[in-house]
Amino acid sequence: RARIAELAEGGAVRLDGKPATKSDRLHAGALVE
């Protein structure tokens, strides 16, 4: 979980094309990059 948080903080995580923070919520069917 800490590694994902680091990646999100560095802008390496996107949900449906938008940057995501570690505390954002996932929704079923969303595209994760």
Full PDB file with SEQRES, HELIX, SHEET, SSBOND, CRYST1, ORIGX, SCALE, CONECT and MASTER records, all heavy atoms in Angstrom:
SEQRES   1 A   33  ARG ALA ARG ILE ALA GLU LEU ALA GLU GLY GLY ALA VAL          
SEQRES   2 A   33  ARG LEU ASP GLY LYS PRO ALA THR LYS SER ASP ARG LEU          
SEQRES   3 A   33  HIS ALA GLY ALA LEU VAL GLU                                  
HELIX    1 AA1 ALA A    2  GLU A    9  1                                   8    
SHEET    1 AA1 2 ARG A  14  LEU A  15  0                                        
SHEET    2 AA1 2 LYS A  18  PRO A  19 -1                                        
CRYST1    1.000    1.000    1.000  90.00  90.00  90.00 P 1           1          
ORIGX1      1.000000  0.000000  0.000000        0.00000                         
ORIGX2      0.000000  1.000000  0.000000        0.00000                         
ORIGX3      0.000000  0.000000  1.000000        0.00000                         
SCALE1      1.000000  0.000000  0.000000        0.00000                         
SCALE2      0.000000  1.000000  0.000000        0.00000                         
SCALE3      0.000000  0.000000  1.000000        0.00000                         
ATOM      1  N   ARG A   1       0.834  -1.198   0.000  1.00  0.00           N  
ATOM      2  CA  ARG A   1       0.000   0.000   0.000  1.00  0.00           C  
ATOM      3  C   ARG A   1       0.877   1.260   0.000  1.00  0.00           C  
ATOM      4  O   ARG A   1       0.567   2.246  -0.681  1.00  0.00           O  
ATOM      5  CB  ARG A   1      -0.900  -0.030   1.239  1.00  0.00           C  
ATOM      6  CG  ARG A   1      -1.938   1.062   1.302  1.00  0.00           C  
ATOM      7  CD  ARG A   1      -2.910   0.782   2.433  1.00  0.00           C  
ATOM      8  NE  ARG A   1      -3.871   1.855   2.601  1.00  0.00           N  
ATOM      9  CZ  ARG A   1      -4.874   1.814   3.477  1.00  0.00           C  
ATOM     10  NH1 ARG A   1      -5.037   0.742   4.234  1.00  0.00           N  
ATOM     11  NH2 ARG A   1      -5.717   2.816   3.582  1.00  0.00           N  
ATOM     12  N   ALA A   2       1.997   1.218   0.740  1.00  0.00           N  
ATOM     13  CA  ALA A   2       2.901   2.368   0.795  1.00  0.00           C  
ATOM     14  C   ALA A   2       3.512   2.647  -0.573  1.00  0.00           C  
ATOM     15  O   ALA A   2       3.694   3.810  -0.968  1.00  0.00           O  
ATOM     16  CB  ALA A   2       3.993   2.110   1.826  1.00  0.00           C  
ATOM     17  N   ARG A   3       3.827   1.582  -1.322  1.00  0.00           N  
ATOM     18  CA  ARG A   3       4.428   1.757  -2.656  1.00  0.00           C  
ATOM     19  C   ARG A   3       3.433   2.408  -3.614  1.00  0.00           C  
ATOM     20  O   ARG A   3       3.792   3.301  -4.386  1.00  0.00           O  
ATOM     21  CB  ARG A   3       4.865   0.400  -3.215  1.00  0.00           C  
ATOM     22  CG  ARG A   3       5.693   0.521  -4.489  1.00  0.00           C  
ATOM     23  CD  ARG A   3       7.050   1.126  -4.163  1.00  0.00           C  
ATOM     24  NE  ARG A   3       7.898   1.214  -5.346  1.00  0.00           N  
ATOM     25  CZ  ARG A   3       8.233   2.347  -5.939  1.00  0.00           C  
ATOM     26  NH1 ARG A   3       7.785   3.492  -5.466  1.00  0.00           N  
ATOM     27  NH2 ARG A   3       9.027   2.344  -6.984  1.00  0.00           N  
ATOM     28  N   ILE A   4       2.182   1.980  -3.571  1.00  0.00           N  
ATOM     29  CA  ILE A   4       1.156   2.596  -4.419  1.00  0.00           C  
ATOM     30  C   ILE A   4       0.993   4.067  -4.044  1.00  0.00           C  
ATOM     31  O   ILE A   4       0.849   4.937  -4.920  1.00  0.00           O  
ATOM     32  CB  ILE A   4      -0.185   1.848  -4.288  1.00  0.00           C  
ATOM     33  CG1 ILE A   4      -0.088   0.450  -4.903  1.00  0.00           C  
ATOM     34  CG2 ILE A   4      -1.304   2.644  -4.960  1.00  0.00           C  
ATOM     35  CD1 ILE A   4       0.104   0.422  -6.410  1.00  0.00           C  
ATOM     36  N   ALA A   5       1.023   4.367  -2.735  1.00  0.00           N  
ATOM     37  CA  ALA A   5       0.891   5.761  -2.286  1.00  0.00           C  
ATOM     38  C   ALA A   5       2.026   6.621  -2.840  1.00  0.00           C  
ATOM     39  O   ALA A   5       1.814   7.763  -3.269  1.00  0.00           O  
ATOM     40  CB  ALA A   5       0.873   5.813  -0.760  1.00  0.00           C  
ATOM     41  N   GLU A   6       3.243   6.070  -2.844  1.00  0.00           N  
ATOM     42  CA  GLU A   6       4.395   6.790  -3.389  1.00  0.00           C  
ATOM     43  C   GLU A   6       4.211   7.058  -4.881  1.00  0.00           C  
ATOM     44  O   GLU A   6       4.497   8.158  -5.374  1.00  0.00           O  
ATOM     45  CB  GLU A   6       5.671   5.979  -3.172  1.00  0.00           C  
ATOM     46  CG  GLU A   6       6.129   5.892  -1.723  1.00  0.00           C  
ATOM     47  CD  GLU A   6       7.328   4.980  -1.572  1.00  0.00           C  
ATOM     48  OE1 GLU A   6       7.827   4.483  -2.616  1.00  0.00           O  
ATOM     49  OE2 GLU A   6       7.768   4.758  -0.434  1.00  0.00           O  
ATOM     50  N   LEU A   7       3.754   6.047  -5.601  1.00  0.00           N  
ATOM     51  CA  LEU A   7       3.541   6.204  -7.042  1.00  0.00           C  
ATOM     52  C   LEU A   7       2.468   7.254  -7.324  1.00  0.00           C  
ATOM     53  O   LEU A   7       2.602   8.071  -8.239  1.00  0.00           O  
ATOM     54  CB  LEU A   7       3.155   4.861  -7.661  1.00  0.00           C  
ATOM     55  CG  LEU A   7       4.260   3.792  -7.688  1.00  0.00           C  
ATOM     56  CD1 LEU A   7       3.675   2.441  -8.112  1.00  0.00           C  
ATOM     57  CD2 LEU A   7       5.377   4.203  -8.634  1.00  0.00           C  
ATOM     58  N   ALA A   8       1.387   7.223  -6.525  1.00  0.00           N  
ATOM     59  CA  ALA A   8       0.316   8.204  -6.713  1.00  0.00           C  
ATOM     60  C   ALA A   8       0.819   9.616  -6.439  1.00  0.00           C  
ATOM     61  O   ALA A   8       0.504  10.561  -7.178  1.00  0.00           O  
ATOM     62  CB  ALA A   8      -0.864   7.870  -5.800  1.00  0.00           C  
ATOM     63  N   GLU A   9       1.624   9.760  -5.391  1.00  0.00           N  
ATOM     64  CA  GLU A   9       2.167  11.077  -5.053  1.00  0.00           C  
ATOM     65  C   GLU A   9       3.058  11.607  -6.176  1.00  0.00           C  
ATOM     66  O   GLU A   9       3.132  12.827  -6.413  1.00  0.00           O  
ATOM     67  CB  GLU A   9       2.975  10.978  -3.757  1.00  0.00           C  
ATOM     68  CG  GLU A   9       3.480  12.314  -3.243  1.00  0.00           C  
ATOM     69  CD  GLU A   9       4.206  12.192  -1.912  1.00  0.00           C  
ATOM     70  OE1 GLU A   9       4.188  11.097  -1.322  1.00  0.00           O  
ATOM     71  OE2 GLU A   9       4.798  13.200  -1.475  1.00  0.00           O  
ATOM     72  N   GLY A  10       3.717  10.712  -6.887  1.00  0.00           N  
ATOM     73  CA  GLY A  10       4.580  11.111  -7.995  1.00  0.00           C  
ATOM     74  C   GLY A  10       3.851  11.253  -9.317  1.00  0.00           C  
ATOM     75  O   GLY A  10       4.489  11.452 -10.357  1.00  0.00           O  
ATOM     76  N   GLY A  11       2.530  11.125  -9.290  1.00  0.00           N  
ATOM     77  CA  GLY A  11       1.745  11.297 -10.510  1.00  0.00           C  
ATOM     78  C   GLY A  11       1.742  10.103 -11.432  1.00  0.00           C  
ATOM     79  O   GLY A  11       1.382  10.218 -12.610  1.00  0.00           O  
ATOM     80  N   ALA A  12       2.116   8.921 -10.904  1.00  0.00           N  
ATOM     81  CA  ALA A  12       2.241   7.725 -11.740  1.00  0.00           C  
ATOM     82  C   ALA A  12       0.975   6.878 -11.768  1.00  0.00           C  
ATOM     83  O   ALA A  12       0.964   5.809 -12.371  1.00  0.00           O  
ATOM     84  CB  ALA A  12       3.412   6.876 -11.258  1.00  0.00           C  
ATOM     85  N   VAL A  13      -0.091   7.337 -11.099  1.00  0.00           N  
ATOM     86  CA  VAL A  13      -1.348   6.582 -11.054  1.00  0.00           C  
ATOM     87  C   VAL A  13      -2.462   7.439 -11.653  1.00  0.00           C  
ATOM     88  O   VAL A  13      -2.652   8.592 -11.247  1.00  0.00           O  
ATOM     89  CB  VAL A  13      -1.715   6.178  -9.617  1.00  0.00           C  
ATOM     90  CG1 VAL A  13      -3.053   5.434  -9.594  1.00  0.00           C  
ATOM     91  CG2 VAL A  13      -0.622   5.326  -9.000  1.00  0.00           C  
ATOM     92  N   ARG A  14      -3.208   6.865 -12.616  1.00  0.00           N  
ATOM     93  CA  ARG A  14      -4.325   7.589 -13.217  1.00  0.00           C  
ATOM     94  C   ARG A  14      -5.571   6.720 -13.242  1.00  0.00           C  
ATOM     95  O   ARG A  14      -5.491   5.513 -13.482  1.00  0.00           O  
ATOM     96  CB  ARG A  14      -3.968   8.033 -14.648  1.00  0.00           C  
ATOM     97  CG  ARG A  14      -2.973   9.171 -14.706  1.00  0.00           C  
ATOM     98  CD  ARG A  14      -2.742   9.651 -16.130  1.00  0.00           C  
ATOM     99  NE  ARG A  14      -1.988   8.676 -16.897  1.00  0.00           N  
ATOM    100  CZ  ARG A  14      -0.665   8.590 -16.865  1.00  0.00           C  
ATOM    101  NH1 ARG A  14       0.053   9.378 -16.092  1.00  0.00           N  
ATOM    102  NH2 ARG A  14      -0.036   7.686 -17.601  1.00  0.00           N  
ATOM    103  N   LEU A  15      -6.698   7.341 -12.989  1.00  0.00           N  
ATOM    104  CA  LEU A  15      -7.997   6.686 -13.070  1.00  0.00           C  
ATOM    105  C   LEU A  15      -8.794   7.357 -14.170  1.00  0.00           C  
ATOM    106  O   LEU A  15      -9.013   8.581 -14.120  1.00  0.00           O  
ATOM    107  CB  LEU A  15      -8.759   6.805 -11.744  1.00  0.00           C  
ATOM    108  CG  LEU A  15      -8.275   5.973 -10.562  1.00  0.00           C  
ATOM    109  CD1 LEU A  15      -9.123   6.283  -9.329  1.00  0.00           C  
ATOM    110  CD2 LEU A  15      -8.335   4.490 -10.883  1.00  0.00           C  
ATOM    111  N   ASP A  16      -9.198   6.579 -15.158  1.00  0.00           N  
ATOM    112  CA  ASP A  16      -9.938   7.114 -16.303  1.00  0.00           C  
ATOM    113  C   ASP A  16      -9.230   8.335 -16.892  1.00  0.00           C  
ATOM    114  O   ASP A  16      -9.852   9.342 -17.250  1.00  0.00           O  
ATOM    115  CB  ASP A  16     -11.374   7.463 -15.911  1.00  0.00           C  
ATOM    116  CG  ASP A  16     -12.225   6.225 -15.691  1.00  0.00           C  
ATOM    117  OD1 ASP A  16     -11.917   5.186 -16.307  1.00  0.00           O  
ATOM    118  OD2 ASP A  16     -13.188   6.287 -14.902  1.00  0.00           O  
ATOM    119  N   GLY A  17      -7.901   8.244 -16.950  1.00  0.00           N  
ATOM    120  CA  GLY A  17      -7.109   9.288 -17.591  1.00  0.00           C  
ATOM    121  C   GLY A  17      -6.739  10.463 -16.713  1.00  0.00           C  
ATOM    122  O   GLY A  17      -5.988  11.346 -17.135  1.00  0.00           O  
ATOM    123  N   LYS A  18      -7.230  10.504 -15.468  1.00  0.00           N  
ATOM    124  CA  LYS A  18      -6.954  11.635 -14.574  1.00  0.00           C  
ATOM    125  C   LYS A  18      -6.031  11.187 -13.437  1.00  0.00           C  
ATOM    126  O   LYS A  18      -6.188  10.085 -12.914  1.00  0.00           O  
ATOM    127  CB  LYS A  18      -8.257  12.189 -13.994  1.00  0.00           C  
ATOM    128  CG  LYS A  18      -9.215  12.725 -15.054  1.00  0.00           C  
ATOM    129  CD  LYS A  18     -10.501  13.233 -14.414  1.00  0.00           C  
ATOM    130  CE  LYS A  18     -11.466  13.757 -15.472  1.00  0.00           C  
ATOM    131  NZ  LYS A  18     -12.744  14.229 -14.869  1.00  0.00           N  
ATOM    132  N   PRO A  19      -5.079  12.047 -13.035  1.00  0.00           N  
ATOM    133  CA  PRO A  19      -4.192  11.691 -11.914  1.00  0.00           C  
ATOM    134  C   PRO A  19      -5.003  11.376 -10.663  1.00  0.00           C  
ATOM    135  O   PRO A  19      -6.005  12.035 -10.365  1.00  0.00           O  
ATOM    136  CB  PRO A  19      -3.347  12.950 -11.727  1.00  0.00           C  
ATOM    137  CG  PRO A  19      -3.391  13.641 -13.052  1.00  0.00           C  
ATOM    138  CD  PRO A  19      -4.762  13.367 -13.603  1.00  0.00           C  
ATOM    139  N   ALA A  20      -4.571  10.367  -9.928  1.00  0.00           N  
ATOM    140  CA  ALA A  20      -5.292   9.946  -8.719  1.00  0.00           C  
ATOM    141  C   ALA A  20      -4.397  10.095  -7.508  1.00  0.00           C  
ATOM    142  O   ALA A  20      -3.182   9.854  -7.572  1.00  0.00           O  
ATOM    143  CB  ALA A  20      -5.743   8.493  -8.862  1.00  0.00           C  
ATOM    144  N   THR A  21      -4.989  10.482  -6.387  1.00  0.00           N  
ATOM    145  CA  THR A  21      -4.264  10.521  -5.122  1.00  0.00           C  
ATOM    146  C   THR A  21      -4.491   9.208  -4.385  1.00  0.00           C  
ATOM    147  O   THR A  21      -5.397   8.436  -4.731  1.00  0.00           O  
ATOM    148  CB  THR A  21      -4.740  11.678  -4.232  1.00  0.00           C  
ATOM    149  OG1 THR A  21      -6.083  11.417  -3.775  1.00  0.00           O  
ATOM    150  CG2 THR A  21      -4.733  12.990  -5.007  1.00  0.00           C  
ATOM    151  N   LYS A  22      -3.688   8.965  -3.360  1.00  0.00           N  
ATOM    152  CA  LYS A  22      -3.794   7.701  -2.635  1.00  0.00           C  
ATOM    153  C   LYS A  22      -5.142   7.532  -1.943  1.00  0.00           C  
ATOM    154  O   LYS A  22      -5.599   6.413  -1.716  1.00  0.00           O  
ATOM    155  CB  LYS A  22      -2.676   7.571  -1.609  1.00  0.00           C  
ATOM    156  CG  LYS A  22      -2.760   8.583  -0.464  1.00  0.00           C  
ATOM    157  CD  LYS A  22      -1.639   8.380   0.533  1.00  0.00           C  
ATOM    158  CE  LYS A  22      -1.768   9.357   1.703  1.00  0.00           C  
ATOM    159  NZ  LYS A  22      -0.667   9.168   2.696  1.00  0.00           N  
ATOM    160  N   SER A  23      -5.806   8.645  -1.613  1.00  0.00           N  
ATOM    161  CA  SER A  23      -7.066   8.559  -0.865  1.00  0.00           C  
ATOM    162  C   SER A  23      -8.309   8.636  -1.749  1.00  0.00           C  
ATOM    163  O   SER A  23      -9.429   8.555  -1.252  1.00  0.00           O  
ATOM    164  CB  SER A  23      -7.130   9.662   0.199  1.00  0.00           C  
ATOM    165  OG  SER A  23      -7.003  10.937  -0.403  1.00  0.00           O  
ATOM    166  N   ASP A  24      -8.123   8.799  -3.066  1.00  0.00           N  
ATOM    167  CA  ASP A  24      -9.278   8.762  -3.967  1.00  0.00           C  
ATOM    168  C   ASP A  24      -9.928   7.375  -3.889  1.00  0.00           C  
ATOM    169  O   ASP A  24      -9.292   6.395  -3.496  1.00  0.00           O  
ATOM    170  CB  ASP A  24      -8.850   9.035  -5.412  1.00  0.00           C  
ATOM    171  CG  ASP A  24      -8.543  10.501  -5.661  1.00  0.00           C  
ATOM    172  OD1 ASP A  24      -8.947  11.329  -4.828  1.00  0.00           O  
ATOM    173  OD2 ASP A  24      -7.872  10.804  -6.673  1.00  0.00           O  
ATOM    174  N   ARG A  25     -11.187   7.312  -4.274  1.00  0.00           N  
ATOM    175  CA  ARG A  25     -11.912   6.043  -4.227  1.00  0.00           C  
ATOM    176  C   ARG A  25     -12.013   5.423  -5.620  1.00  0.00           C  
ATOM    177  O   ARG A  25     -12.241   6.120  -6.613  1.00  0.00           O  
ATOM    178  CB  ARG A  25     -13.321   6.245  -3.657  1.00  0.00           C  
ATOM    179  CG  ARG A  25     -13.339   6.726  -2.215  1.00  0.00           C  
ATOM    180  CD  ARG A  25     -12.944   5.624  -1.258  1.00  0.00           C  
ATOM    181  NE  ARG A  25     -12.788   6.115   0.121  1.00  0.00           N  
ATOM    182  CZ  ARG A  25     -12.601   5.322   1.160  1.00  0.00           C  
ATOM    183  NH1 ARG A  25     -12.542   4.005   0.993  1.00  0.00           N  
ATOM    184  NH2 ARG A  25     -12.440   5.831   2.376  1.00  0.00           N  
ATOM    185  N   LEU A  26     -11.827   4.102  -5.671  1.00  0.00           N  
ATOM    186  CA  LEU A  26     -11.978   3.367  -6.913  1.00  0.00           C  
ATOM    187  C   LEU A  26     -13.448   3.123  -7.211  1.00  0.00           C  
ATOM    188  O   LEU A  26     -14.267   3.053  -6.287  1.00  0.00           O  
ATOM    189  CB  LEU A  26     -11.265   2.020  -6.825  1.00  0.00           C  
ATOM    190  CG  LEU A  26      -9.753   2.049  -6.576  1.00  0.00           C  
ATOM    191  CD1 LEU A  26      -9.242   0.632  -6.327  1.00  0.00           C  
ATOM    192  CD2 LEU A  26      -9.030   2.670  -7.757  1.00  0.00           C  
ATOM    193  N   HIS A  27     -13.794   2.981  -8.477  1.00  0.00           N  
ATOM    194  CA  HIS A  27     -15.140   2.555  -8.830  1.00  0.00           C  
ATOM    195  C   HIS A  27     -15.040   1.463  -9.889  1.00  0.00           C  
ATOM    196  O   HIS A  27     -14.161   1.488 -10.755  1.00  0.00           O  
ATOM    197  CB  HIS A  27     -16.016   3.719  -9.308  1.00  0.00           C  
ATOM    198  CG  HIS A  27     -15.489   4.455 -10.489  1.00  0.00           C  
ATOM    199  ND1 HIS A  27     -14.571   5.487 -10.395  1.00  0.00           N  
ATOM    200  CD2 HIS A  27     -15.728   4.308 -11.819  1.00  0.00           C  
ATOM    201  CE1 HIS A  27     -14.289   5.945 -11.596  1.00  0.00           C  
ATOM    202  NE2 HIS A  27     -14.974   5.259 -12.482  1.00  0.00           N  
ATOM    203  N   ALA A  28     -15.919   0.488  -9.774  1.00  0.00           N  
ATOM    204  CA  ALA A  28     -15.879  -0.682 -10.649  1.00  0.00           C  
ATOM    205  C   ALA A  28     -15.900  -0.276 -12.118  1.00  0.00           C  
ATOM    206  O   ALA A  28     -16.679   0.592 -12.524  1.00  0.00           O  
ATOM    207  CB  ALA A  28     -17.053  -1.609 -10.340  1.00  0.00           C  
ATOM    208  N   GLY A  29     -15.011  -0.902 -12.904  1.00  0.00           N  
ATOM    209  CA  GLY A  29     -14.963  -0.637 -14.327  1.00  0.00           C  
ATOM    210  C   GLY A  29     -14.063   0.502 -14.735  1.00  0.00           C  
ATOM    211  O   GLY A  29     -13.851   0.723 -15.934  1.00  0.00           O  
ATOM    212  N   ALA A  30     -13.518   1.241 -13.758  1.00  0.00           N  
ATOM    213  CA  ALA A  30     -12.633   2.362 -14.088  1.00  0.00           C  
ATOM    214  C   ALA A  30     -11.335   1.843 -14.710  1.00  0.00           C  
ATOM    215  O   ALA A  30     -10.838   0.779 -14.344  1.00  0.00           O  
ATOM    216  CB  ALA A  30     -12.324   3.179 -12.843  1.00  0.00           C  
ATOM    217  N   LEU A  31     -10.791   2.623 -15.646  1.00  0.00           N  
ATOM    218  CA  LEU A  31      -9.516   2.273 -16.265  1.00  0.00           C  
ATOM    219  C   LEU A  31      -8.385   2.773 -15.377  1.00  0.00           C  
ATOM    220  O   LEU A  31      -8.298   3.966 -15.072  1.00  0.00           O  
ATOM    221  CB  LEU A  31      -9.410   2.910 -17.652  1.00  0.00           C  
ATOM    222  CG  LEU A  31      -8.084   2.669 -18.389  1.00  0.00           C  
ATOM    223  CD1 LEU A  31      -7.931   1.190 -18.743  1.00  0.00           C  
ATOM    224  CD2 LEU A  31      -8.004   3.536 -19.645  1.00  0.00           C  
ATOM    225  N   VAL A  32      -7.522   1.857 -14.959  1.00  0.00           N  
ATOM    226  CA  VAL A  32      -6.387   2.188 -14.097  1.00  0.00           C  
ATOM    227  C   VAL A  32      -5.103   2.122 -14.917  1.00  0.00           C  
ATOM    228  O   VAL A  32      -4.871   1.143 -15.632  1.00  0.00           O  
ATOM    229  CB  VAL A  32      -6.280   1.204 -12.910  1.00  0.00           C  
ATOM    230  CG1 VAL A  32      -5.069   1.550 -12.051  1.00  0.00           C  
ATOM    231  CG2 VAL A  32      -7.542   1.238 -12.089  1.00  0.00           C  
ATOM    232  N   GLU A  33      -4.292   3.155 -14.810  1.00  0.00           N  
ATOM    233  CA  GLU A  33      -2.981   3.171 -15.449  1.00  0.00           C  
ATOM    234  C   GLU A  33      -1.933   3.463 -14.381  1.00  0.00           C  
ATOM    235  O   GLU A  33      -2.029   4.458 -13.670  1.00  0.00           O  
ATOM    236  CB  GLU A  33      -2.923   4.255 -16.526  1.00  0.00           C  
ATOM    237  CG  GLU A  33      -3.943   4.068 -17.643  1.00  0.00           C  
ATOM    238  CD  GLU A  33      -4.001   5.285 -18.540  1.00  0.00           C  
ATOM    239  OE1 GLU A  33      -4.735   6.236 -18.188  1.00  0.00           O  
ATOM    240  OE2 GLU A  33      -3.312   5.294 -19.574  1.00  0.00           O  
TER     241      GLU A  33                                                      
MASTER        0    0    0    1    2    0    0    6  240    1    0    3          
END                                                                             
